[in-house]
Amino acid sequence: MAKTSIIVRDEKRKRMINQYAAKRAELKQLGDYEGLAKLPRNSSRTRLTNRCVETHRPRGYMRQFGLSRISFREHASRGEIPGVTKSSW
């Protein structure tokens, strides 16, 4: 489990991205790069980190499922992810 402060920080970034999305798109369309530079850094979408829905782990993230590799393996072993089976040969 990730530290609570980091989880809260990431949620704050998500809120800020939603808040400035329209203004950022407008400035990009106008080509006003100085105006974009004056916006807060955390309002950019590239500042977001993909995190596991359950554990909020940033590493080993599987985009297709929204889980980290560890959580994915646990759910797959229990048969909770449709279409995923453990391979054996």
C-alpha atoms as a PDB file:
ATOM      1  CA  MET A   1       0.000   0.000   0.000  1.00  0.00           C
ATOM      2  CA  ALA A   2       1.318   3.410  -0.938  1.00  0.00           C
ATOM      3  CA  LYS A   3       1.749   6.179   1.605  1.00  0.00           C
ATOM      4  CA  THR A   4      -1.441   8.098   2.276  1.00  0.00           C
ATOM      5  CA  SER A   5       0.246  11.429   1.540  1.00  0.00           C
ATOM      6  CA  ILE A   6       1.181  10.275  -1.962  1.00  0.00           C
ATOM      7  CA  ILE A   7      -2.342   8.986  -2.642  1.00  0.00           C
ATOM      8  CA  VAL A   8      -3.796  12.333  -1.517  1.00  0.00           C
ATOM      9  CA  ARG A   9      -1.280  14.227  -3.661  1.00  0.00           C
ATOM     10  CA  ASP A  10      -2.283  12.200  -6.727  1.00  0.00           C
ATOM     11  CA  GLU A  11      -5.984  12.862  -6.057  1.00  0.00           C
ATOM     12  CA  LYS A  12      -5.205  16.582  -5.796  1.00  0.00           C
ATOM     13  CA  ARG A  13      -3.516  16.411  -9.197  1.00  0.00           C
ATOM     14  CA  LYS A  14      -6.595  14.725 -10.699  1.00  0.00           C
ATOM     15  CA  ARG A  15      -8.833  17.505  -9.388  1.00  0.00           C
ATOM     16  CA  MET A  16      -6.481  20.182 -10.691  1.00  0.00           C
ATOM     17  CA  ILE A  17      -6.342  18.569 -14.146  1.00  0.00           C
ATOM     18  CA  ASN A  18     -10.142  18.583 -14.361  1.00  0.00           C
ATOM     19  CA  GLN A  19     -10.289  22.165 -13.127  1.00  0.00           C
ATOM     20  CA  TYR A  20      -7.855  23.544 -15.732  1.00  0.00           C
ATOM     21  CA  ALA A  21      -8.688  21.222 -18.674  1.00  0.00           C
ATOM     22  CA  ALA A  22     -10.855  23.734 -20.570  1.00  0.00           C
ATOM     23  CA  LYS A  23      -8.468  26.642 -20.057  1.00  0.00           C
ATOM     24  CA  ARG A  24      -5.474  24.517 -21.047  1.00  0.00           C
ATOM     25  CA  ALA A  25      -7.206  23.343 -24.258  1.00  0.00           C
ATOM     26  CA  GLU A  26      -8.142  26.922 -25.127  1.00  0.00           C
ATOM     27  CA  LEU A  27      -4.584  28.192 -24.638  1.00  0.00           C
ATOM     28  CA  LYS A  28      -3.163  25.329 -26.714  1.00  0.00           C
ATOM     29  CA  GLN A  29      -5.537  26.108 -29.556  1.00  0.00           C
ATOM     30  CA  LEU A  30      -4.533  29.788 -29.497  1.00  0.00           C
ATOM     31  CA  GLY A  31      -0.857  28.839 -29.356  1.00  0.00           C
ATOM     32  CA  ASP A  32      -0.305  30.924 -26.215  1.00  0.00           C
ATOM     33  CA  TYR A  33       2.641  29.045 -24.709  1.00  0.00           C
ATOM     34  CA  GLU A  34       3.426  31.823 -22.250  1.00  0.00           C
ATOM     35  CA  GLY A  35      -0.098  31.507 -20.851  1.00  0.00           C
ATOM     36  CA  LEU A  36       0.344  27.744 -20.585  1.00  0.00           C
ATOM     37  CA  ALA A  37       3.598  28.224 -18.700  1.00  0.00           C
ATOM     38  CA  LYS A  38       1.808  30.385 -16.115  1.00  0.00           C
ATOM     39  CA  LEU A  39      -0.679  27.601 -15.261  1.00  0.00           C
ATOM     40  CA  PRO A  40       0.180  25.343 -12.310  1.00  0.00           C
ATOM     41  CA  ARG A  41       2.478  22.446 -13.168  1.00  0.00           C
ATOM     42  CA  ASN A  42       0.139  19.902 -11.631  1.00  0.00           C
ATOM     43  CA  SER A  43      -2.639  20.901 -14.027  1.00  0.00           C
ATOM     44  CA  SER A  44      -0.866  19.051 -16.849  1.00  0.00           C
ATOM     45  CA  ARG A  45      -2.056  15.521 -17.666  1.00  0.00           C
ATOM     46  CA  THR A  46       1.507  14.235 -17.931  1.00  0.00           C
ATOM     47  CA  ARG A  47       1.986  14.784 -14.193  1.00  0.00           C
ATOM     48  CA  LEU A  48      -0.503  11.984 -13.405  1.00  0.00           C
ATOM     49  CA  THR A  49       0.871   8.589 -12.454  1.00  0.00           C
ATOM     50  CA  ASN A  50      -0.886   5.360 -13.369  1.00  0.00           C
ATOM     51  CA  ARG A  51      -1.646   3.615 -10.089  1.00  0.00           C
ATOM     52  CA  CYS A  52      -3.273   0.337  -9.067  1.00  0.00           C
ATOM     53  CA  VAL A  53      -6.918   0.770  -8.091  1.00  0.00           C
ATOM     54  CA  GLU A  54      -6.531  -1.394  -4.978  1.00  0.00           C
ATOM     55  CA  THR A  55      -3.020  -0.832  -3.643  1.00  0.00           C
ATOM     56  CA  HIS A  56      -2.146   2.467  -5.385  1.00  0.00           C
ATOM     57  CA  ARG A  57       1.178   0.936  -6.384  1.00  0.00           C
ATOM     58  CA  PRO A  58       2.805   2.964  -9.205  1.00  0.00           C
ATOM     59  CA  ARG A  59       5.164   0.281 -10.507  1.00  0.00           C
ATOM     60  CA  GLY A  60       4.171  -2.845 -12.399  1.00  0.00           C
ATOM     61  CA  TYR A  61       0.903  -1.229 -13.512  1.00  0.00           C
ATOM     62  CA  MET A  62      -1.145  -3.119 -16.126  1.00  0.00           C
ATOM     63  CA  ARG A  63      -3.116  -0.504 -18.056  1.00  0.00           C
ATOM     64  CA  GLN A  64      -5.622  -2.971 -19.522  1.00  0.00           C
ATOM     65  CA  PHE A  65      -6.823  -4.035 -16.076  1.00  0.00           C
ATOM     66  CA  GLY A  66      -5.981  -1.007 -13.921  1.00  0.00           C
ATOM     67  CA  LEU A  67      -4.121  -3.222 -11.450  1.00  0.00           C
ATOM     68  CA  SER A  68      -0.533  -3.753 -10.412  1.00  0.00           C
ATOM     69  CA  ARG A  69       1.102  -7.036 -11.380  1.00  0.00           C
ATOM     70  CA  ILE A  70       0.742  -8.337  -7.818  1.00  0.00           C
ATOM     71  CA  SER A  71      -2.988  -7.578  -7.546  1.00  0.00           C
ATOM     72  CA  PHE A  72      -3.519  -8.914 -11.063  1.00  0.00           C
ATOM     73  CA  ARG A  73      -1.887 -12.221 -10.176  1.00  0.00           C
ATOM     74  CA  GLU A  74      -3.993 -12.618  -7.033  1.00  0.00           C
ATOM     75  CA  HIS A  75      -7.256 -11.941  -8.892  1.00  0.00           C
ATOM     76  CA  ALA A  76      -6.254 -14.156 -11.818  1.00  0.00           C
ATOM     77  CA  SER A  77      -5.368 -17.032  -9.477  1.00  0.00           C
ATOM     78  CA  ARG A  78      -8.795 -16.783  -7.858  1.00  0.00           C
ATOM     79  CA  GLY A  79     -10.445 -16.695 -11.295  1.00  0.00           C
ATOM     80  CA  GLU A  80     -11.953 -13.238 -10.752  1.00  0.00           C
ATOM     81  CA  ILE A  81     -10.753 -11.785 -14.071  1.00  0.00           C
ATOM     82  CA  PRO A  82     -12.812 -13.093 -17.005  1.00  0.00           C
ATOM     83  CA  GLY A  83     -10.843 -14.532 -19.897  1.00  0.00           C
ATOM     84  CA  VAL A  84      -7.587 -14.874 -17.948  1.00  0.00           C
ATOM     85  CA  THR A  85      -6.325 -18.361 -17.152  1.00  0.00           C
ATOM     86  CA  LYS A  86      -3.088 -19.637 -15.720  1.00  0.00           C
ATOM     87  CA  SER A  87      -1.006 -21.140 -18.481  1.00  0.00           C
ATOM     88  CA  SER A  88       0.627 -24.541 -18.113  1.00  0.00           C
ATOM     89  CA  TRP A  89       2.527 -26.766 -20.512  1.00  0.00           C
END
